[in-house]
């Protein structure tokens, strides 16, 4: 029983954290930008997480003025996507 209770508690904490994130996104993103970010979440979870972290950092530093537009979010996502490490495969 304690293992099930621990799993339930963990799931509850994760849901609360997700709700806080979604609430914050409603405040700082335009509807179009929020929809784009949700689409990114479906396709690339790592990019979504990186974008959320970047938005939170900018928000904490006071660098966000007004809501983030779709075009601003696009450029943020492009910057995060271009930071990906490139791998080269060499055959011998």
C-alpha atoms as a PDB file:
ATOM      1  CA  UNK A   1       0.000   0.000   0.000  1.00  0.00           C
ATOM      2  CA  UNK A   2       2.770   2.485   0.785  1.00  0.00           C
ATOM      3  CA  UNK A   3       4.290   2.064  -2.666  1.00  0.00           C
ATOM      4  CA  UNK A   4       0.953   2.878  -4.293  1.00  0.00           C
ATOM      5  CA  UNK A   5       0.539   5.875  -2.014  1.00  0.00           C
ATOM      6  CA  UNK A   6       4.010   7.105  -2.951  1.00  0.00           C
ATOM      7  CA  UNK A   7       3.199   6.729  -6.649  1.00  0.00           C
ATOM      8  CA  UNK A   8      -0.060   8.624  -6.212  1.00  0.00           C
ATOM      9  CA  UNK A   9       1.700  11.391  -4.291  1.00  0.00           C
ATOM     10  CA  UNK A  10       4.350  11.668  -7.013  1.00  0.00           C
ATOM     11  CA  UNK A  11       1.691  11.818  -9.731  1.00  0.00           C
ATOM     12  CA  UNK A  12      -0.180  14.483  -7.773  1.00  0.00           C
ATOM     13  CA  UNK A  13       2.979  16.604  -7.440  1.00  0.00           C
ATOM     14  CA  UNK A  14       3.717  16.279 -11.154  1.00  0.00           C
ATOM     15  CA  UNK A  15       0.177  17.326 -12.048  1.00  0.00           C
ATOM     16  CA  UNK A  16       0.371  20.364  -9.745  1.00  0.00           C
ATOM     17  CA  UNK A  17       3.689  21.390 -11.287  1.00  0.00           C
ATOM     18  CA  UNK A  18       2.234  21.047 -14.794  1.00  0.00           C
ATOM     19  CA  UNK A  19      -0.755  23.174 -13.789  1.00  0.00           C
ATOM     20  CA  UNK A  20       1.557  25.907 -12.444  1.00  0.00           C
ATOM     21  CA  UNK A  21       3.534  25.868 -15.694  1.00  0.00           C
ATOM     22  CA  UNK A  22       0.382  26.122 -17.801  1.00  0.00           C
ATOM     23  CA  UNK A  23      -0.895  28.986 -15.656  1.00  0.00           C
ATOM     24  CA  UNK A  24       2.390  30.844 -16.094  1.00  0.00           C
ATOM     25  CA  UNK A  25       2.325  30.245 -19.855  1.00  0.00           C
ATOM     26  CA  UNK A  26      -1.176  31.717 -20.114  1.00  0.00           C
ATOM     27  CA  UNK A  27       0.137  34.900 -18.499  1.00  0.00           C
ATOM     28  CA  UNK A  28       3.296  35.391 -20.577  1.00  0.00           C
ATOM     29  CA  UNK A  29       2.506  33.896 -24.011  1.00  0.00           C
ATOM     30  CA  UNK A  30       0.027  34.981 -26.640  1.00  0.00           C
ATOM     31  CA  UNK A  31      -2.540  32.379 -27.686  1.00  0.00           C
ATOM     32  CA  UNK A  32      -0.649  31.621 -30.913  1.00  0.00           C
ATOM     33  CA  UNK A  33       2.675  31.244 -29.101  1.00  0.00           C
ATOM     34  CA  UNK A  34       1.142  28.988 -26.460  1.00  0.00           C
ATOM     35  CA  UNK A  35      -0.394  26.790 -29.160  1.00  0.00           C
ATOM     36  CA  UNK A  36       2.973  26.546 -30.933  1.00  0.00           C
ATOM     37  CA  UNK A  37       4.662  25.562 -27.698  1.00  0.00           C
ATOM     38  CA  UNK A  38       2.064  22.852 -27.058  1.00  0.00           C
ATOM     39  CA  UNK A  39       2.686  21.524 -30.582  1.00  0.00           C
ATOM     40  CA  UNK A  40       6.417  21.454 -29.869  1.00  0.00           C
ATOM     41  CA  UNK A  41       5.692  19.501 -26.681  1.00  0.00           C
ATOM     42  CA  UNK A  42       4.016  16.794 -28.748  1.00  0.00           C
ATOM     43  CA  UNK A  43       6.946  16.489 -31.141  1.00  0.00           C
ATOM     44  CA  UNK A  44      10.072  17.284 -29.118  1.00  0.00           C
ATOM     45  CA  UNK A  45       9.851  17.105 -25.331  1.00  0.00           C
ATOM     46  CA  UNK A  46      13.463  18.259 -24.844  1.00  0.00           C
ATOM     47  CA  UNK A  47      12.964  21.398 -26.923  1.00  0.00           C
ATOM     48  CA  UNK A  48       9.715  22.113 -25.047  1.00  0.00           C
ATOM     49  CA  UNK A  49      11.482  21.765 -21.690  1.00  0.00           C
ATOM     50  CA  UNK A  50      14.328  24.004 -22.840  1.00  0.00           C
ATOM     51  CA  UNK A  51      11.889  26.654 -24.023  1.00  0.00           C
ATOM     52  CA  UNK A  52      10.012  26.574 -20.716  1.00  0.00           C
ATOM     53  CA  UNK A  53      13.283  26.944 -18.810  1.00  0.00           C
ATOM     54  CA  UNK A  54      14.367  29.855 -21.009  1.00  0.00           C
ATOM     55  CA  UNK A  55      11.029  31.628 -20.612  1.00  0.00           C
ATOM     56  CA  UNK A  56      11.148  31.167 -16.829  1.00  0.00           C
ATOM     57  CA  UNK A  57      14.702  32.497 -16.708  1.00  0.00           C
ATOM     58  CA  UNK A  58      13.791  35.567 -18.772  1.00  0.00           C
ATOM     59  CA  UNK A  59      10.746  36.125 -16.594  1.00  0.00           C
ATOM     60  CA  UNK A  60      12.776  35.929 -13.380  1.00  0.00           C
ATOM     61  CA  UNK A  61      15.371  38.334 -14.779  1.00  0.00           C
ATOM     62  CA  UNK A  62      12.645  40.801 -15.698  1.00  0.00           C
ATOM     63  CA  UNK A  63      13.553  40.745 -19.391  1.00  0.00           C
ATOM     64  CA  UNK A  64      10.037  39.970 -20.607  1.00  0.00           C
ATOM     65  CA  UNK A  65       7.923  42.993 -21.372  1.00  0.00           C
ATOM     66  CA  UNK A  66       4.335  42.145 -22.172  1.00  0.00           C
ATOM     67  CA  UNK A  67       3.418  38.830 -23.713  1.00  0.00           C
ATOM     68  CA  UNK A  68       5.782  36.751 -25.840  1.00  0.00           C
ATOM     69  CA  UNK A  69       4.498  36.663 -29.409  1.00  0.00           C
ATOM     70  CA  UNK A  70       4.546  33.726 -31.774  1.00  0.00           C
ATOM     71  CA  UNK A  71       7.446  35.198 -33.770  1.00  0.00           C
ATOM     72  CA  UNK A  72       9.485  35.763 -30.594  1.00  0.00           C
ATOM     73  CA  UNK A  73       8.824  32.185 -29.528  1.00  0.00           C
ATOM     74  CA  UNK A  74       9.867  30.956 -32.992  1.00  0.00           C
ATOM     75  CA  UNK A  75      13.228  32.692 -32.690  1.00  0.00           C
ATOM     76  CA  UNK A  76      13.700  31.292 -29.178  1.00  0.00           C
ATOM     77  CA  UNK A  77      12.947  27.781 -30.432  1.00  0.00           C
ATOM     78  CA  UNK A  78      15.298  28.228 -33.393  1.00  0.00           C
ATOM     79  CA  UNK A  79      18.094  29.312 -31.050  1.00  0.00           C
ATOM     80  CA  UNK A  80      17.489  26.347 -28.773  1.00  0.00           C
ATOM     81  CA  UNK A  81      17.306  23.969 -31.730  1.00  0.00           C
ATOM     82  CA  UNK A  82      20.540  25.241 -33.233  1.00  0.00           C
ATOM     83  CA  UNK A  83      22.384  24.554 -29.983  1.00  0.00           C
ATOM     84  CA  UNK A  84      21.951  20.854 -30.615  1.00  0.00           C
ATOM     85  CA  UNK A  85      25.159  18.908 -30.735  1.00  0.00           C
ATOM     86  CA  UNK A  86      26.132  17.602 -34.127  1.00  0.00           C
ATOM     87  CA  UNK A  87      27.411  14.089 -34.491  1.00  0.00           C
ATOM     88  CA  UNK A  88      29.649  12.862 -37.238  1.00  0.00           C
ATOM     89  CA  UNK A  89      29.990   9.216 -38.113  1.00  0.00           C
ATOM     90  CA  UNK A  90      33.253   8.071 -39.633  1.00  0.00           C
ATOM     91  CA  UNK A  91      33.556   4.712 -41.283  1.00  0.00           C
ATOM     92  CA  UNK A  92      36.854   2.973 -41.458  1.00  0.00           C
END
